[in-house]
Amino acid sequence: MARYTGPRAKISRRFGISLFGPSKAFERRNFPPGQHGVRAGRKKKSEYSTALGEKQKLRFQYGVLEKQFRGYYEEAARRRGVTGVILLQLLELRLDNVVYRAGFGNTRQSARQIVNHGHIQVNGRVVDIPSFQVKPGDVVKVVAKPSSQQLAVRMCDLTQAAANVDWLEVQQDKLEATVSRVPDREDINPLVNEQLIVELYNR
């Protein structure tokens, strides 16, 4: 299974934003890595560099590699509507992200691992594919095994302060979440300017 396994704090420092959840290393050194990191932010970036950075930030945020990300973009471009928003919706409706949004994982990385290990079922069937696309009406639930339930309860305790999203109806007492609708851009509140990503791929 392909996934990014490199340094995370270093990536967050490069882009100046915590992309992988809370990080003490990033908080201590929130400037770009390298010998000239403190002064690196003063250099003016080209339009291409800025757009590339936006794409990379979105990729790392959702834990998607380059080939898979391009596939999401091509799918978004085929559909009717605003390509950038559709791209965000496709990423947001990944099963690992839904598990994260529901509070069953305290980071997207932990949510991905929970899905991989078979702790999650969709509409009554176990799904262990993090990229599985959920749809409105789908019910995402923690399987009934004691080990899965204990893990999910522990994660819910860690994510109590996280804000609930309007497009997801979460019942933490039942350890399940129902996708009520496709999220809007305002619901997603991305860390990037997705229009720059669209322009990058259209060059």
N, C-alpha and C. Protein backbone atom coordinates (compact mmCIF):
# COMPACT_ATOMS: atom_id res chain seq x y z
N MET A 1 0.84 -1.19 0.00
CA MET A 1 0.00 0.00 0.00
C MET A 1 0.88 1.24 0.00
N ALA A 2 0.69 2.10 -0.98
CA ALA A 2 1.53 3.29 -1.12
C ALA A 2 1.06 4.39 -0.18
N ARG A 3 1.99 4.96 0.55
CA ARG A 3 1.67 6.09 1.42
C ARG A 3 2.96 6.83 1.73
N TYR A 4 2.82 8.09 2.15
CA TYR A 4 3.99 8.88 2.50
C TYR A 4 4.51 8.44 3.87
N THR A 5 5.80 8.11 3.95
CA THR A 5 6.38 7.64 5.21
C THR A 5 7.56 8.50 5.65
N GLY A 6 7.77 9.63 4.99
CA GLY A 6 8.91 10.48 5.32
C GLY A 6 8.65 11.38 6.52
N PRO A 7 9.55 12.32 6.77
CA PRO A 7 9.42 13.23 7.91
C PRO A 7 8.21 14.15 7.77
N ARG A 8 7.47 14.31 8.84
CA ARG A 8 6.24 15.11 8.78
C ARG A 8 6.45 16.54 9.26
N ALA A 9 7.18 16.69 10.36
CA ALA A 9 7.42 18.04 10.88
C ALA A 9 8.17 18.88 9.85
N LYS A 10 9.08 18.25 9.13
CA LYS A 10 9.85 18.96 8.12
C LYS A 10 8.96 19.48 7.00
N ILE A 11 7.97 18.65 6.58
CA ILE A 11 7.03 19.07 5.54
C ILE A 11 6.17 20.22 6.04
N SER A 12 5.69 20.12 7.27
CA SER A 12 4.88 21.20 7.84
C SER A 12 5.68 22.49 7.93
N ARG A 13 6.95 22.40 8.30
CA ARG A 13 7.80 23.58 8.39
C ARG A 13 8.03 24.20 7.01
N ARG A 14 8.14 23.34 5.98
CA ARG A 14 8.36 23.85 4.62
C ARG A 14 7.20 24.73 4.18
N PHE A 15 5.97 24.32 4.51
CA PHE A 15 4.80 25.06 4.05
C PHE A 15 4.26 26.04 5.10
N GLY A 16 4.83 26.02 6.30
CA GLY A 16 4.43 26.97 7.32
C GLY A 16 3.08 26.71 7.94
N ILE A 17 2.61 25.45 7.87
CA ILE A 17 1.32 25.09 8.45
C ILE A 17 1.35 23.63 8.86
N SER A 18 0.69 23.30 9.96
CA SER A 18 0.70 21.93 10.45
C SER A 18 -0.27 21.08 9.60
N LEU A 19 0.29 20.24 8.73
CA LEU A 19 -0.52 19.45 7.79
C LEU A 19 -0.89 18.08 8.33
N PHE A 20 -0.23 17.64 9.39
CA PHE A 20 -0.44 16.28 9.88
C PHE A 20 -1.00 16.25 11.30
N GLY A 21 -1.65 17.31 11.70
CA GLY A 21 -2.17 17.38 13.06
C GLY A 21 -1.19 18.09 13.98
N PRO A 22 -1.51 18.18 15.27
CA PRO A 22 -0.64 18.88 16.22
C PRO A 22 0.78 18.32 16.23
N SER A 23 1.75 19.23 16.28
CA SER A 23 3.15 18.81 16.27
C SER A 23 3.97 19.74 17.14
N LYS A 24 4.57 19.19 18.19
CA LYS A 24 5.41 20.01 19.07
C LYS A 24 6.66 20.48 18.34
N ALA A 25 7.18 19.62 17.44
CA ALA A 25 8.38 20.00 16.70
C ALA A 25 8.10 21.21 15.81
N PHE A 26 6.90 21.24 15.18
CA PHE A 26 6.55 22.37 14.33
C PHE A 26 6.33 23.63 15.16
N GLU A 27 5.73 23.47 16.33
CA GLU A 27 5.48 24.62 17.20
C GLU A 27 6.80 25.24 17.67
N ARG A 28 7.78 24.41 17.93
CA ARG A 28 9.08 24.92 18.41
C ARG A 28 9.85 25.61 17.29
N ARG A 29 9.76 25.07 16.08
CA ARG A 29 10.54 25.60 14.96
C ARG A 29 9.61 25.78 13.76
N ASN A 30 8.81 26.84 13.79
CA ASN A 30 7.80 27.05 12.75
C ASN A 30 8.33 27.88 11.58
N PHE A 31 9.60 27.68 11.25
CA PHE A 31 10.19 28.33 10.08
C PHE A 31 10.70 27.23 9.15
N PRO A 32 10.94 27.52 7.87
CA PRO A 32 11.36 26.50 6.91
C PRO A 32 12.62 25.78 7.35
N PRO A 33 12.76 24.50 6.99
CA PRO A 33 13.96 23.76 7.36
C PRO A 33 15.16 24.20 6.53
N GLY A 34 16.34 23.83 6.98
CA GLY A 34 17.55 24.16 6.23
C GLY A 34 18.38 25.23 6.91
N GLN A 35 19.58 25.42 6.39
CA GLN A 35 20.54 26.36 6.98
C GLN A 35 20.02 27.79 6.99
N HIS A 36 19.27 28.16 5.93
CA HIS A 36 18.77 29.53 5.82
C HIS A 36 17.26 29.60 6.05
N GLY A 37 16.74 28.67 6.84
CA GLY A 37 15.30 28.55 7.02
C GLY A 37 14.63 29.81 7.53
N VAL A 38 15.25 30.49 8.48
CA VAL A 38 14.63 31.68 9.08
C VAL A 38 14.43 32.77 8.04
N ARG A 39 15.37 32.87 7.07
CA ARG A 39 15.29 33.92 6.05
C ARG A 39 14.63 33.44 4.76
N ALA A 40 14.32 32.14 4.67
CA ALA A 40 13.82 31.58 3.41
C ALA A 40 12.48 32.17 3.00
N GLY A 41 11.67 32.57 3.99
CA GLY A 41 10.34 33.09 3.66
C GLY A 41 10.35 34.44 2.98
N ARG A 42 11.49 35.10 2.98
CA ARG A 42 11.57 36.45 2.40
C ARG A 42 11.69 36.40 0.87
N LYS A 43 12.07 35.25 0.34
CA LYS A 43 12.28 35.13 -1.10
C LYS A 43 10.94 35.09 -1.83
N LYS A 44 10.81 35.90 -2.87
CA LYS A 44 9.56 35.95 -3.62
C LYS A 44 9.41 34.70 -4.47
N LYS A 45 8.21 34.10 -4.44
CA LYS A 45 7.95 32.87 -5.18
C LYS A 45 7.29 33.18 -6.52
N SER A 46 7.56 32.34 -7.51
CA SER A 46 6.91 32.47 -8.81
C SER A 46 5.48 31.94 -8.70
N GLU A 47 4.65 32.26 -9.71
CA GLU A 47 3.27 31.76 -9.73
C GLU A 47 3.25 30.24 -9.76
N TYR A 48 4.16 29.66 -10.54
CA TYR A 48 4.22 28.19 -10.63
C TYR A 48 4.58 27.58 -9.28
N SER A 49 5.56 28.17 -8.61
CA SER A 49 5.98 27.66 -7.32
C SER A 49 4.85 27.73 -6.29
N THR A 50 4.10 28.82 -6.32
CA THR A 50 2.97 28.98 -5.40
C THR A 50 1.90 27.93 -5.65
N ALA A 51 1.56 27.73 -6.95
CA ALA A 51 0.54 26.75 -7.30
C ALA A 51 0.98 25.34 -6.96
N LEU A 52 2.25 25.03 -7.22
CA LEU A 52 2.79 23.71 -6.88
C LEU A 52 2.74 23.47 -5.37
N GLY A 53 3.06 24.51 -4.61
CA GLY A 53 2.99 24.40 -3.16
C GLY A 53 1.59 24.12 -2.67
N GLU A 54 0.58 24.74 -3.29
CA GLU A 54 -0.81 24.50 -2.91
C GLU A 54 -1.20 23.04 -3.17
N LYS A 55 -0.75 22.52 -4.31
CA LYS A 55 -1.06 21.12 -4.63
C LYS A 55 -0.41 20.17 -3.62
N GLN A 56 0.86 20.45 -3.31
CA GLN A 56 1.58 19.60 -2.38
C GLN A 56 0.95 19.63 -0.98
N LYS A 57 0.52 20.81 -0.56
CA LYS A 57 -0.12 20.92 0.75
C LYS A 57 -1.38 20.07 0.81
N LEU A 58 -2.19 20.11 -0.25
CA LEU A 58 -3.43 19.33 -0.26
C LEU A 58 -3.14 17.84 -0.29
N ARG A 59 -2.12 17.45 -1.06
CA ARG A 59 -1.73 16.04 -1.12
C ARG A 59 -1.32 15.52 0.26
N PHE A 60 -0.46 16.26 0.92
CA PHE A 60 0.03 15.82 2.22
C PHE A 60 -1.09 15.86 3.27
N GLN A 61 -1.97 16.84 3.16
CA GLN A 61 -3.05 16.95 4.14
C GLN A 61 -3.93 15.70 4.15
N TYR A 62 -4.21 15.17 2.95
CA TYR A 62 -5.08 13.98 2.87
C TYR A 62 -4.29 12.68 2.73
N GLY A 63 -2.97 12.75 2.71
CA GLY A 63 -2.16 11.55 2.65
C GLY A 63 -2.25 10.81 1.33
N VAL A 64 -2.26 11.58 0.22
CA VAL A 64 -2.41 10.99 -1.11
C VAL A 64 -1.12 11.19 -1.90
N LEU A 65 -0.67 10.15 -2.59
CA LEU A 65 0.52 10.26 -3.41
C LEU A 65 0.18 10.89 -4.77
N GLU A 66 1.22 11.24 -5.52
CA GLU A 66 1.04 12.04 -6.74
C GLU A 66 0.13 11.37 -7.78
N LYS A 67 0.36 10.10 -8.08
CA LYS A 67 -0.43 9.42 -9.11
C LYS A 67 -1.91 9.36 -8.71
N GLN A 68 -2.16 9.07 -7.47
CA GLN A 68 -3.54 8.99 -6.98
C GLN A 68 -4.19 10.38 -6.99
N PHE A 69 -3.43 11.40 -6.63
CA PHE A 69 -3.97 12.75 -6.63
C PHE A 69 -4.35 13.19 -8.04
N ARG A 70 -3.51 12.87 -9.00
CA ARG A 70 -3.83 13.20 -10.39
C ARG A 70 -5.12 12.49 -10.82
N GLY A 71 -5.31 11.26 -10.36
CA GLY A 71 -6.54 10.54 -10.66
C GLY A 71 -7.76 11.25 -10.11
N TYR A 72 -7.64 11.79 -8.90
CA TYR A 72 -8.75 12.55 -8.31
C TYR A 72 -9.02 13.80 -9.15
N TYR A 73 -7.94 14.47 -9.58
CA TYR A 73 -8.14 15.68 -10.38
C TYR A 73 -8.84 15.34 -11.71
N GLU A 74 -8.40 14.29 -12.37
CA GLU A 74 -9.01 13.92 -13.66
C GLU A 74 -10.47 13.55 -13.49
N GLU A 75 -10.80 12.87 -12.40
CA GLU A 75 -12.20 12.55 -12.12
C GLU A 75 -13.01 13.82 -11.88
N ALA A 76 -12.43 14.77 -11.13
CA ALA A 76 -13.11 16.03 -10.86
C ALA A 76 -13.33 16.82 -12.14
N ALA A 77 -12.34 16.78 -13.04
CA ALA A 77 -12.44 17.52 -14.31
C ALA A 77 -13.52 16.93 -15.21
N ARG A 78 -13.77 15.62 -15.09
CA ARG A 78 -14.80 14.98 -15.92
C ARG A 78 -16.21 15.33 -15.48
N ARG A 79 -16.38 15.62 -14.21
CA ARG A 79 -17.72 15.87 -13.67
C ARG A 79 -18.17 17.30 -13.94
N ARG A 80 -19.47 17.48 -13.95
CA ARG A 80 -20.03 18.81 -14.15
C ARG A 80 -19.96 19.60 -12.85
N GLY A 81 -19.56 20.85 -12.97
CA GLY A 81 -19.46 21.70 -11.79
C GLY A 81 -18.10 22.35 -11.71
N VAL A 82 -17.81 22.95 -10.57
CA VAL A 82 -16.54 23.63 -10.35
C VAL A 82 -15.48 22.59 -10.01
N THR A 83 -14.48 22.45 -10.87
CA THR A 83 -13.50 21.38 -10.73
C THR A 83 -12.79 21.40 -9.39
N GLY A 84 -12.38 22.57 -8.93
CA GLY A 84 -11.66 22.66 -7.66
C GLY A 84 -12.49 22.19 -6.48
N VAL A 85 -13.76 22.56 -6.45
CA VAL A 85 -14.65 22.16 -5.36
C VAL A 85 -14.91 20.66 -5.41
N ILE A 86 -15.12 20.13 -6.61
CA ILE A 86 -15.36 18.68 -6.76
C ILE A 86 -14.13 17.90 -6.30
N LEU A 87 -12.94 18.41 -6.60
CA LEU A 87 -11.70 17.77 -6.15
C LEU A 87 -11.66 17.70 -4.62
N LEU A 88 -12.01 18.79 -3.97
CA LEU A 88 -12.04 18.80 -2.50
C LEU A 88 -13.07 17.82 -1.97
N GLN A 89 -14.23 17.74 -2.63
CA GLN A 89 -15.28 16.83 -2.18
C GLN A 89 -14.86 15.37 -2.31
N LEU A 90 -14.17 15.03 -3.41
CA LEU A 90 -13.69 13.66 -3.59
C LEU A 90 -12.70 13.28 -2.48
N LEU A 91 -11.83 14.20 -2.13
CA LEU A 91 -10.87 13.93 -1.07
C LEU A 91 -11.57 13.84 0.29
N GLU A 92 -12.53 14.71 0.50
CA GLU A 92 -13.23 14.74 1.79
C GLU A 92 -14.08 13.49 2.02
N LEU A 93 -14.56 12.88 0.95
CA LEU A 93 -15.43 11.71 1.06
C LEU A 93 -14.66 10.39 1.03
N ARG A 94 -13.33 10.46 1.13
CA ARG A 94 -12.56 9.23 1.34
C ARG A 94 -12.95 8.64 2.70
N LEU A 95 -12.96 7.33 2.79
CA LEU A 95 -13.38 6.68 4.04
C LEU A 95 -12.48 7.06 5.20
N ASP A 96 -11.17 7.11 4.98
CA ASP A 96 -10.29 7.45 6.10
C ASP A 96 -10.55 8.86 6.61
N ASN A 97 -10.90 9.78 5.71
CA ASN A 97 -11.20 11.14 6.14
C ASN A 97 -12.52 11.21 6.89
N VAL A 98 -13.51 10.43 6.44
CA VAL A 98 -14.80 10.39 7.14
C VAL A 98 -14.62 9.85 8.55
N VAL A 99 -13.80 8.81 8.70
CA VAL A 99 -13.50 8.26 10.02
C VAL A 99 -12.83 9.31 10.90
N TYR A 100 -11.93 10.09 10.30
CA TYR A 100 -11.26 11.17 11.03
C TYR A 100 -12.26 12.25 11.43
N ARG A 101 -13.11 12.67 10.49
CA ARG A 101 -14.10 13.71 10.77
C ARG A 101 -15.10 13.26 11.84
N ALA A 102 -15.39 11.97 11.86
CA ALA A 102 -16.34 11.45 12.85
C ALA A 102 -15.74 11.37 14.25
N GLY A 103 -14.42 11.52 14.35
CA GLY A 103 -13.76 11.48 15.64
C GLY A 103 -13.28 10.11 16.04
N PHE A 104 -13.35 9.12 15.11
CA PHE A 104 -12.88 7.77 15.42
C PHE A 104 -11.37 7.64 15.21
N GLY A 105 -10.73 8.71 14.77
CA GLY A 105 -9.28 8.77 14.64
C GLY A 105 -8.85 10.19 14.96
N ASN A 106 -7.77 10.37 15.72
CA ASN A 106 -7.38 11.73 16.11
C ASN A 106 -6.57 12.45 15.03
N THR A 107 -6.07 11.70 14.04
CA THR A 107 -5.44 12.29 12.86
C THR A 107 -5.89 11.49 11.65
N ARG A 108 -5.67 12.03 10.45
CA ARG A 108 -6.00 11.26 9.25
C ARG A 108 -5.13 10.02 9.13
N GLN A 109 -3.90 10.09 9.61
CA GLN A 109 -3.01 8.94 9.56
C GLN A 109 -3.52 7.81 10.45
N SER A 110 -3.96 8.16 11.66
CA SER A 110 -4.48 7.13 12.56
C SER A 110 -5.80 6.58 12.03
N ALA A 111 -6.62 7.44 11.41
CA ALA A 111 -7.88 6.98 10.83
C ALA A 111 -7.61 6.02 9.68
N ARG A 112 -6.58 6.31 8.89
CA ARG A 112 -6.22 5.42 7.79
C ARG A 112 -5.81 4.05 8.32
N GLN A 113 -5.05 4.03 9.40
CA GLN A 113 -4.62 2.76 9.98
C GLN A 113 -5.81 1.99 10.54
N ILE A 114 -6.74 2.70 11.16
CA ILE A 114 -7.94 2.05 11.71
C ILE A 114 -8.73 1.37 10.59
N VAL A 115 -8.84 2.04 9.46
CA VAL A 115 -9.55 1.44 8.31
C VAL A 115 -8.78 0.24 7.79
N ASN A 116 -7.47 0.39 7.63
CA ASN A 116 -6.62 -0.69 7.11
C ASN A 116 -6.72 -1.96 7.94
N HIS A 117 -6.86 -1.81 9.23
CA HIS A 117 -6.87 -2.96 10.13
C HIS A 117 -8.25 -3.58 10.29
N GLY A 118 -9.21 -3.12 9.49
CA GLY A 118 -10.52 -3.76 9.47
C GLY A 118 -11.42 -3.41 10.64
N HIS A 119 -11.24 -2.23 11.23
CA HIS A 119 -12.07 -1.83 12.37
C HIS A 119 -13.35 -1.10 11.95
N ILE A 120 -13.50 -0.83 10.65
CA ILE A 120 -14.62 0.00 10.17
C ILE A 120 -15.47 -0.77 9.16
N GLN A 121 -16.78 -0.59 9.27
CA GLN A 121 -17.69 -1.15 8.28
C GLN A 121 -18.56 -0.04 7.69
N VAL A 122 -18.93 -0.22 6.44
CA VAL A 122 -19.80 0.72 5.74
C VAL A 122 -21.05 -0.03 5.32
N ASN A 123 -22.20 0.43 5.78
CA ASN A 123 -23.48 -0.22 5.49
C ASN A 123 -23.45 -1.70 5.85
N GLY A 124 -22.82 -2.00 6.99
CA GLY A 124 -22.82 -3.37 7.49
C GLY A 124 -21.73 -4.27 6.96
N ARG A 125 -20.90 -3.78 6.05
CA ARG A 125 -19.81 -4.60 5.48
C ARG A 125 -18.46 -3.99 5.83
N VAL A 126 -17.52 -4.81 6.27
CA VAL A 126 -16.19 -4.32 6.63
C VAL A 126 -15.49 -3.83 5.36
N VAL A 127 -14.95 -2.62 5.45
CA VAL A 127 -14.19 -2.03 4.34
C VAL A 127 -12.82 -1.64 4.88
N ASP A 128 -11.77 -2.19 4.27
CA ASP A 128 -10.41 -1.89 4.73
C ASP A 128 -9.60 -1.12 3.69
N ILE A 129 -10.30 -0.35 2.84
CA ILE A 129 -9.66 0.45 1.81
C ILE A 129 -9.83 1.93 2.17
N PRO A 130 -8.76 2.62 2.59
CA PRO A 130 -8.88 4.02 3.02
C PRO A 130 -9.44 4.95 1.96
N SER A 131 -9.19 4.66 0.68
CA SER A 131 -9.64 5.54 -0.40
C SER A 131 -11.08 5.26 -0.83
N PHE A 132 -11.75 4.32 -0.19
CA PHE A 132 -13.14 4.01 -0.52
C PHE A 132 -13.99 5.28 -0.47
N GLN A 133 -14.76 5.52 -1.52
CA GLN A 133 -15.59 6.73 -1.58
C GLN A 133 -16.97 6.47 -0.97
N VAL A 134 -17.26 7.19 0.10
CA VAL A 134 -18.59 7.07 0.71
C VAL A 134 -19.55 8.02 0.00
N LYS A 135 -20.84 7.74 0.13
CA LYS A 135 -21.88 8.53 -0.54
C LYS A 135 -22.92 8.96 0.48
N PRO A 136 -23.70 9.99 0.14
CA PRO A 136 -24.79 10.38 1.05
C PRO A 136 -25.69 9.19 1.34
N GLY A 137 -26.01 9.00 2.61
CA GLY A 137 -26.83 7.87 3.03
C GLY A 137 -26.03 6.72 3.59
N ASP A 138 -24.72 6.68 3.31
CA ASP A 138 -23.88 5.60 3.83
C ASP A 138 -23.72 5.73 5.34
N VAL A 139 -23.72 4.58 6.01
CA VAL A 139 -23.52 4.53 7.46
C VAL A 139 -22.14 3.92 7.74
N VAL A 140 -21.29 4.71 8.36
CA VAL A 140 -19.93 4.27 8.71
C VAL A 140 -19.93 3.95 10.20
N LYS A 141 -19.53 2.73 10.53
CA LYS A 141 -19.64 2.27 11.92
C LYS A 141 -18.43 1.46 12.32
N VAL A 142 -18.07 1.54 13.59
CA VAL A 142 -17.00 0.72 14.14
C VAL A 142 -17.54 -0.70 14.32
N VAL A 143 -16.77 -1.70 13.90
CA VAL A 143 -17.23 -3.09 14.01
C VAL A 143 -17.43 -3.45 15.48
N ALA A 144 -18.18 -4.51 15.72
CA ALA A 144 -18.62 -4.85 17.08
C ALA A 144 -17.56 -5.56 17.91
N LYS A 145 -16.38 -5.83 17.36
CA LYS A 145 -15.34 -6.50 18.14
C LYS A 145 -14.90 -5.63 19.32
N PRO A 146 -14.68 -6.23 20.50
CA PRO A 146 -14.28 -5.45 21.67
C PRO A 146 -13.02 -4.61 21.44
N SER A 147 -12.04 -5.18 20.75
CA SER A 147 -10.79 -4.44 20.51
C SER A 147 -11.05 -3.21 19.65
N SER A 148 -11.92 -3.33 18.65
CA SER A 148 -12.25 -2.20 17.78
C SER A 148 -13.02 -1.14 18.56
N GLN A 149 -13.96 -1.57 19.38
CA GLN A 149 -14.77 -0.64 20.17
C GLN A 149 -13.90 0.12 21.17
N GLN A 150 -13.00 -0.58 21.82
CA GLN A 150 -12.12 0.08 22.80
C GLN A 150 -11.22 1.11 22.12
N LEU A 151 -10.70 0.76 20.96
CA LEU A 151 -9.86 1.69 20.21
C LEU A 151 -10.64 2.94 19.83
N ALA A 152 -11.86 2.76 19.32
CA ALA A 152 -12.68 3.88 18.89
C ALA A 152 -13.06 4.78 20.07
N VAL A 153 -13.40 4.18 21.20
CA VAL A 153 -13.75 4.97 22.39
C VAL A 153 -12.55 5.80 22.85
N ARG A 154 -11.36 5.20 22.80
CA ARG A 154 -10.16 5.93 23.19
C ARG A 154 -9.91 7.11 22.25
N MET A 155 -10.13 6.89 20.95
CA MET A 155 -9.96 7.97 19.98
C MET A 155 -11.02 9.06 20.18
N CYS A 156 -12.23 8.67 20.47
CA CYS A 156 -13.30 9.66 20.71
C CYS A 156 -12.97 10.55 21.90
N ASP A 157 -12.35 9.97 22.92
CA ASP A 157 -11.93 10.76 24.09
C ASP A 157 -10.87 11.79 23.69
N LEU A 158 -10.00 11.42 22.74
CA LEU A 158 -8.94 12.33 22.30
C LEU A 158 -9.47 13.44 21.40
N THR A 159 -10.61 13.20 20.74
CA THR A 159 -11.11 14.15 19.75
C THR A 159 -12.37 14.89 20.21
N GLN A 160 -12.63 14.90 21.50
CA GLN A 160 -13.84 15.56 21.99
C GLN A 160 -13.87 17.04 21.68
N ALA A 161 -12.69 17.67 21.63
CA ALA A 161 -12.63 19.11 21.38
C ALA A 161 -12.80 19.44 19.90
N ALA A 162 -12.74 18.44 19.02
CA ALA A 162 -12.85 18.68 17.59
C ALA A 162 -14.27 19.08 17.21
N ALA A 163 -14.38 20.04 16.28
CA ALA A 163 -15.70 20.52 15.87
C ALA A 163 -16.37 19.49 14.97
N ASN A 164 -17.67 19.26 15.18
CA ASN A 164 -18.42 18.37 14.32
C ASN A 164 -18.70 19.05 12.99
N VAL A 165 -18.85 18.27 11.94
CA VAL A 165 -19.14 18.82 10.62
C VAL A 165 -20.62 18.59 10.31
N ASP A 166 -21.23 19.57 9.61
CA ASP A 166 -22.68 19.53 9.39
C ASP A 166 -23.12 18.42 8.45
N TRP A 167 -22.24 17.98 7.56
CA TRP A 167 -22.63 16.97 6.57
C TRP A 167 -22.53 15.54 7.10
N LEU A 168 -22.12 15.41 8.35
CA LEU A 168 -21.94 14.10 8.96
C LEU A 168 -22.71 14.04 10.28
N GLU A 169 -23.62 13.08 10.39
CA GLU A 169 -24.40 12.90 11.62
C GLU A 169 -23.71 11.82 12.46
N VAL A 170 -23.08 12.25 13.54
CA VAL A 170 -22.28 11.35 14.36
C VAL A 170 -23.03 10.96 15.62
N GLN A 171 -23.07 9.67 15.91
CA GLN A 171 -23.62 9.15 17.15
C GLN A 171 -22.50 8.42 17.88
N GLN A 172 -21.80 9.15 18.74
CA GLN A 172 -20.62 8.56 19.38
C GLN A 172 -20.98 7.44 20.34
N ASP A 173 -22.20 7.49 20.91
CA ASP A 173 -22.58 6.40 21.81
C ASP A 173 -22.73 5.08 21.05
N LYS A 174 -23.10 5.16 19.77
CA LYS A 174 -23.21 3.96 18.93
C LYS A 174 -21.96 3.73 18.08
N LEU A 175 -21.02 4.68 18.16
CA LEU A 175 -19.80 4.63 17.34
C LEU A 175 -20.13 4.48 15.86
N GLU A 176 -21.04 5.34 15.40
CA GLU A 176 -21.39 5.32 13.98
C GLU A 176 -21.63 6.75 13.49
N ALA A 177 -21.51 6.90 12.19
CA ALA A 177 -21.72 8.21 11.56
C ALA A 177 -22.43 7.99 10.23
N THR A 178 -23.39 8.86 9.92
CA THR A 178 -24.14 8.78 8.67
C THR A 178 -23.81 9.99 7.82
N VAL A 179 -23.46 9.75 6.57
CA VAL A 179 -23.17 10.85 5.64
C VAL A 179 -24.50 11.40 5.16
N SER A 180 -24.86 12.60 5.58
CA SER A 180 -26.17 13.16 5.25
C SER A 180 -26.19 13.84 3.88
N ARG A 181 -25.03 14.36 3.45
CA ARG A 181 -24.97 15.05 2.16
C ARG A 181 -23.52 15.22 1.73
N VAL A 182 -23.34 15.64 0.49
CA VAL A 182 -22.00 15.96 0.01
C VAL A 182 -21.56 17.29 0.63
N PRO A 183 -20.38 17.36 1.20
CA PRO A 183 -19.96 18.61 1.86
C PRO A 183 -19.77 19.76 0.86
N ASP A 184 -20.13 20.97 1.29
CA ASP A 184 -19.86 22.17 0.51
C ASP A 184 -18.42 22.63 0.79
N ARG A 185 -17.97 23.59 -0.02
CA ARG A 185 -16.62 24.10 0.20
C ARG A 185 -16.50 24.74 1.58
N GLU A 186 -17.57 25.42 2.02
CA GLU A 186 -17.55 26.08 3.33
C GLU A 186 -17.41 25.04 4.45
N ASP A 187 -17.98 23.84 4.23
CA ASP A 187 -17.87 22.78 5.24
C ASP A 187 -16.43 22.27 5.33
N ILE A 188 -15.78 22.19 4.17
CA ILE A 188 -14.42 21.62 4.11
C ILE A 188 -13.40 22.62 4.66
N ASN A 189 -13.58 23.90 4.32
CA ASN A 189 -12.67 24.95 4.78
C ASN A 189 -11.22 24.56 4.55
N PRO A 190 -10.81 24.39 3.29
CA PRO A 190 -9.48 23.86 2.98
C PRO A 190 -8.36 24.82 3.37
N LEU A 191 -7.17 24.26 3.53
CA LEU A 191 -5.99 25.05 3.86
C LEU A 191 -5.32 25.62 2.62
N VAL A 192 -5.92 25.40 1.45
CA VAL A 192 -5.29 25.76 0.19
C VAL A 192 -6.25 26.56 -0.69
N ASN A 193 -5.70 27.15 -1.74
CA ASN A 193 -6.50 27.78 -2.79
C ASN A 193 -6.60 26.77 -3.93
N GLU A 194 -7.72 26.05 -3.98
CA GLU A 194 -7.85 24.95 -4.95
C GLU A 194 -7.86 25.42 -6.40
N GLN A 195 -8.21 26.69 -6.63
CA GLN A 195 -8.22 27.20 -8.00
C GLN A 195 -6.82 27.23 -8.59
N LEU A 196 -5.82 27.50 -7.75
CA LEU A 196 -4.43 27.49 -8.22
C LEU A 196 -4.01 26.08 -8.65
N ILE A 197 -4.55 25.06 -7.98
CA ILE A 197 -4.25 23.67 -8.34
C ILE A 197 -4.84 23.34 -9.70
N VAL A 198 -6.06 23.81 -9.94
CA VAL A 198 -6.71 23.58 -11.24
C VAL A 198 -5.90 24.26 -12.34
N GLU A 199 -5.48 25.49 -12.10
CA GLU A 199 -4.68 26.22 -13.09
C GLU A 199 -3.34 25.53 -13.33
N LEU A 200 -2.77 24.94 -12.29
CA LEU A 200 -1.50 24.22 -12.44
C LEU A 200 -1.65 23.05 -13.39
N TYR A 201 -2.71 22.28 -13.24
CA TYR A 201 -2.93 21.11 -14.09
C TYR A 201 -3.36 21.52 -15.50
N ASN A 202 -3.87 22.73 -15.65
CA ASN A 202 -4.31 23.18 -16.99
C ASN A 202 -3.20 23.88 -17.78
N ARG A 203 -2.01 23.97 -17.21
CA ARG A 203 -0.89 24.65 -17.90
C ARG A 203 -0.49 23.85 -19.15
